[in-house]
Amino acid sequence: MIKTLTKHGNSSALVIERPILELLGATPETSFEVVTDGRALVLIPILDESQTAKFRKTMESIGKRYRKSFEELAKR
């Protein structure tokens, strides 16, 4: 799916359709954690704080474990 940003005051907004929100178990009131590696954007619905903490810890572990590999891939 390709999306475009929508002007929202001095900012830009990304509209997420209802079927995608339902797939994520989210509602328009759900908070999302925004994670980026500088090239990609990941939106994580905050449904359970313990899951979010576990995800963040796992991502940090992966980053440390595969740091050299990621650096090599970034050079290409």
N, C-alpha and C. Protein backbone atom coordinates (compact mmCIF):
# COMPACT_ATOMS: atom_id res chain seq x y z
N MET A 1 0.85 -1.17 0.00
CA MET A 1 0.00 0.00 0.00
C MET A 1 0.90 1.24 0.00
N ILE A 2 0.60 2.17 -0.84
CA ILE A 2 1.34 3.42 -0.90
C ILE A 2 0.44 4.52 -0.38
N LYS A 3 0.97 5.31 0.55
CA LYS A 3 0.20 6.40 1.15
C LYS A 3 0.92 7.71 0.89
N THR A 4 0.18 8.80 0.88
CA THR A 4 0.78 10.12 0.78
C THR A 4 0.40 10.91 2.03
N LEU A 5 1.24 11.85 2.37
CA LEU A 5 0.98 12.68 3.54
C LEU A 5 -0.05 13.74 3.20
N THR A 6 -0.80 14.17 4.21
CA THR A 6 -1.81 15.20 4.07
C THR A 6 -1.38 16.41 4.89
N LYS A 7 -1.52 17.60 4.34
CA LYS A 7 -1.18 18.82 5.06
C LYS A 7 -2.13 18.97 6.25
N HIS A 8 -1.55 19.28 7.42
CA HIS A 8 -2.34 19.44 8.64
C HIS A 8 -1.72 20.60 9.41
N GLY A 9 -2.18 21.83 9.14
CA GLY A 9 -1.58 23.01 9.74
C GLY A 9 -0.15 23.17 9.24
N ASN A 10 0.81 23.29 10.17
CA ASN A 10 2.22 23.39 9.80
C ASN A 10 2.89 22.03 9.75
N SER A 11 2.12 20.98 9.89
CA SER A 11 2.65 19.62 9.91
C SER A 11 2.07 18.81 8.77
N SER A 12 2.47 17.55 8.72
CA SER A 12 1.91 16.60 7.76
C SER A 12 1.32 15.44 8.54
N ALA A 13 0.26 14.86 8.00
CA ALA A 13 -0.43 13.77 8.68
C ALA A 13 -0.52 12.56 7.75
N LEU A 14 -0.53 11.40 8.35
CA LEU A 14 -0.72 10.16 7.61
C LEU A 14 -2.07 9.59 8.04
N VAL A 15 -2.97 9.44 7.11
CA VAL A 15 -4.30 8.93 7.41
C VAL A 15 -4.26 7.41 7.40
N ILE A 16 -4.73 6.81 8.48
CA ILE A 16 -4.77 5.34 8.60
C ILE A 16 -6.24 4.93 8.54
N GLU A 17 -6.58 4.16 7.52
CA GLU A 17 -7.97 3.76 7.32
C GLU A 17 -8.44 2.77 8.40
N ARG A 18 -9.73 2.74 8.59
CA ARG A 18 -10.34 1.90 9.62
C ARG A 18 -9.96 0.43 9.52
N PRO A 19 -9.93 -0.21 8.31
CA PRO A 19 -9.55 -1.62 8.26
C PRO A 19 -8.15 -1.89 8.82
N ILE A 20 -7.23 -0.95 8.60
CA ILE A 20 -5.88 -1.15 9.14
C ILE A 20 -5.89 -0.98 10.65
N LEU A 21 -6.63 0.02 11.14
CA LEU A 21 -6.74 0.19 12.60
C LEU A 21 -7.34 -1.07 13.24
N GLU A 22 -8.37 -1.62 12.61
CA GLU A 22 -8.99 -2.83 13.14
C GLU A 22 -8.01 -4.00 13.14
N LEU A 23 -7.23 -4.11 12.09
CA LEU A 23 -6.23 -5.17 12.00
C LEU A 23 -5.22 -5.06 13.15
N LEU A 24 -4.87 -3.84 13.51
CA LEU A 24 -3.91 -3.60 14.60
C LEU A 24 -4.56 -3.64 15.98
N GLY A 25 -5.88 -3.70 16.01
CA GLY A 25 -6.59 -3.67 17.29
C GLY A 25 -6.56 -2.27 17.89
N ALA A 26 -6.46 -1.25 17.02
CA ALA A 26 -6.36 0.13 17.46
C ALA A 26 -7.63 0.89 17.13
N THR A 27 -7.78 2.03 17.76
CA THR A 27 -8.90 2.94 17.50
C THR A 27 -8.30 4.32 17.23
N PRO A 28 -9.11 5.29 16.82
CA PRO A 28 -8.57 6.64 16.64
C PRO A 28 -7.99 7.25 17.92
N GLU A 29 -8.36 6.71 19.07
CA GLU A 29 -7.85 7.21 20.35
C GLU A 29 -6.56 6.51 20.80
N THR A 30 -6.15 5.46 20.11
CA THR A 30 -4.96 4.70 20.48
C THR A 30 -3.70 5.52 20.28
N SER A 31 -2.81 5.49 21.26
CA SER A 31 -1.50 6.12 21.11
C SER A 31 -0.58 5.17 20.35
N PHE A 32 0.35 5.74 19.60
CA PHE A 32 1.30 4.95 18.84
C PHE A 32 2.71 5.38 19.20
N GLU A 33 3.59 4.41 19.34
CA GLU A 33 5.00 4.71 19.48
C GLU A 33 5.56 4.81 18.07
N VAL A 34 6.37 5.82 17.81
CA VAL A 34 6.96 6.03 16.49
C VAL A 34 8.45 5.70 16.60
N VAL A 35 8.90 4.75 15.78
CA VAL A 35 10.30 4.32 15.78
C VAL A 35 10.84 4.51 14.38
N THR A 36 12.08 4.97 14.28
CA THR A 36 12.70 5.13 12.97
C THR A 36 14.18 4.77 13.04
N ASP A 37 14.68 4.31 11.92
CA ASP A 37 16.11 4.05 11.79
C ASP A 37 16.73 5.10 10.87
N GLY A 38 15.98 6.14 10.56
CA GLY A 38 16.44 7.18 9.66
C GLY A 38 15.98 6.97 8.23
N ARG A 39 15.52 5.77 7.92
CA ARG A 39 15.04 5.47 6.56
C ARG A 39 13.61 4.96 6.56
N ALA A 40 13.22 4.27 7.62
CA ALA A 40 11.89 3.69 7.70
C ALA A 40 11.20 4.18 8.96
N LEU A 41 9.88 4.18 8.91
CA LEU A 41 9.07 4.61 10.03
C LEU A 41 8.21 3.42 10.46
N VAL A 42 8.21 3.13 11.75
CA VAL A 42 7.40 2.04 12.28
C VAL A 42 6.45 2.63 13.31
N LEU A 43 5.16 2.36 13.16
CA LEU A 43 4.16 2.80 14.12
C LEU A 43 3.70 1.60 14.92
N ILE A 44 3.83 1.69 16.24
CA ILE A 44 3.47 0.58 17.11
C ILE A 44 2.34 1.02 18.02
N PRO A 45 1.16 0.42 17.87
CA PRO A 45 0.06 0.81 18.75
C PRO A 45 0.37 0.42 20.19
N ILE A 46 0.11 1.32 21.12
CA ILE A 46 0.36 1.05 22.53
C ILE A 46 -0.93 0.45 23.10
N LEU A 47 -0.98 -0.86 23.07
CA LEU A 47 -2.14 -1.58 23.59
C LEU A 47 -1.82 -2.16 24.97
N ASP A 48 -0.56 -2.48 25.17
CA ASP A 48 -0.10 -3.08 26.42
C ASP A 48 1.33 -2.60 26.65
N GLU A 49 1.53 -1.81 27.69
CA GLU A 49 2.85 -1.22 27.97
C GLU A 49 3.94 -2.27 28.08
N SER A 50 3.63 -3.45 28.63
CA SER A 50 4.66 -4.48 28.79
C SER A 50 5.12 -5.00 27.43
N GLN A 51 4.21 -5.09 26.47
CA GLN A 51 4.59 -5.53 25.12
C GLN A 51 5.48 -4.49 24.45
N THR A 52 5.16 -3.22 24.66
CA THR A 52 5.97 -2.15 24.07
C THR A 52 7.38 -2.17 24.65
N ALA A 53 7.49 -2.35 25.94
CA ALA A 53 8.81 -2.41 26.58
C ALA A 53 9.59 -3.62 26.08
N LYS A 54 8.91 -4.74 25.93
CA LYS A 54 9.57 -5.95 25.44
C LYS A 54 10.05 -5.74 24.00
N PHE A 55 9.22 -5.12 23.17
CA PHE A 55 9.60 -4.85 21.78
C PHE A 55 10.82 -3.95 21.73
N ARG A 56 10.81 -2.86 22.52
CA ARG A 56 11.93 -1.93 22.52
C ARG A 56 13.23 -2.62 22.96
N LYS A 57 13.14 -3.45 23.99
CA LYS A 57 14.30 -4.17 24.49
C LYS A 57 14.83 -5.13 23.41
N THR A 58 13.94 -5.80 22.72
CA THR A 58 14.33 -6.72 21.65
C THR A 58 15.01 -5.98 20.51
N MET A 59 14.47 -4.81 20.12
CA MET A 59 15.06 -4.03 19.04
C MET A 59 16.46 -3.54 19.42
N GLU A 60 16.64 -3.13 20.67
CA GLU A 60 17.96 -2.70 21.13
C GLU A 60 18.95 -3.87 21.09
N SER A 61 18.49 -5.04 21.50
CA SER A 61 19.34 -6.23 21.51
C SER A 61 19.77 -6.60 20.09
N ILE A 62 18.83 -6.54 19.16
CA ILE A 62 19.13 -6.85 17.76
C ILE A 62 20.13 -5.83 17.21
N GLY A 63 19.92 -4.56 17.54
CA GLY A 63 20.83 -3.51 17.08
C GLY A 63 22.25 -3.74 17.56
N LYS A 64 22.40 -4.15 18.81
CA LYS A 64 23.74 -4.41 19.36
C LYS A 64 24.34 -5.67 18.75
N ARG A 65 23.54 -6.70 18.65
CA ARG A 65 24.03 -8.00 18.17
C ARG A 65 24.48 -7.95 16.72
N TYR A 66 23.74 -7.23 15.88
CA TYR A 66 24.02 -7.21 14.45
C TYR A 66 24.56 -5.86 13.97
N ARG A 67 25.15 -5.10 14.88
CA ARG A 67 25.63 -3.76 14.56
C ARG A 67 26.56 -3.75 13.35
N LYS A 68 27.55 -4.62 13.35
CA LYS A 68 28.52 -4.65 12.25
C LYS A 68 27.84 -5.00 10.93
N SER A 69 26.92 -5.94 10.97
CA SER A 69 26.20 -6.32 9.75
C SER A 69 25.38 -5.15 9.21
N PHE A 70 24.70 -4.45 10.11
CA PHE A 70 23.90 -3.29 9.70
C PHE A 70 24.79 -2.20 9.11
N GLU A 71 25.95 -1.99 9.71
CA GLU A 71 26.88 -0.99 9.19
C GLU A 71 27.36 -1.36 7.79
N GLU A 72 27.66 -2.63 7.58
CA GLU A 72 28.08 -3.09 6.25
C GLU A 72 26.97 -2.92 5.22
N LEU A 73 25.76 -3.26 5.61
CA LEU A 73 24.62 -3.10 4.69
C LEU A 73 24.39 -1.64 4.35
N ALA A 74 24.59 -0.76 5.32
CA ALA A 74 24.37 0.66 5.10
C ALA A 74 25.37 1.23 4.10
N LYS A 75 26.55 0.63 3.98
CA LYS A 75 27.57 1.11 3.05
C LYS A 75 27.19 0.82 1.61
N ARG A 76 26.33 -0.15 1.37
CA ARG A 76 25.98 -0.58 0.01
C ARG A 76 24.90 0.24 -0.60
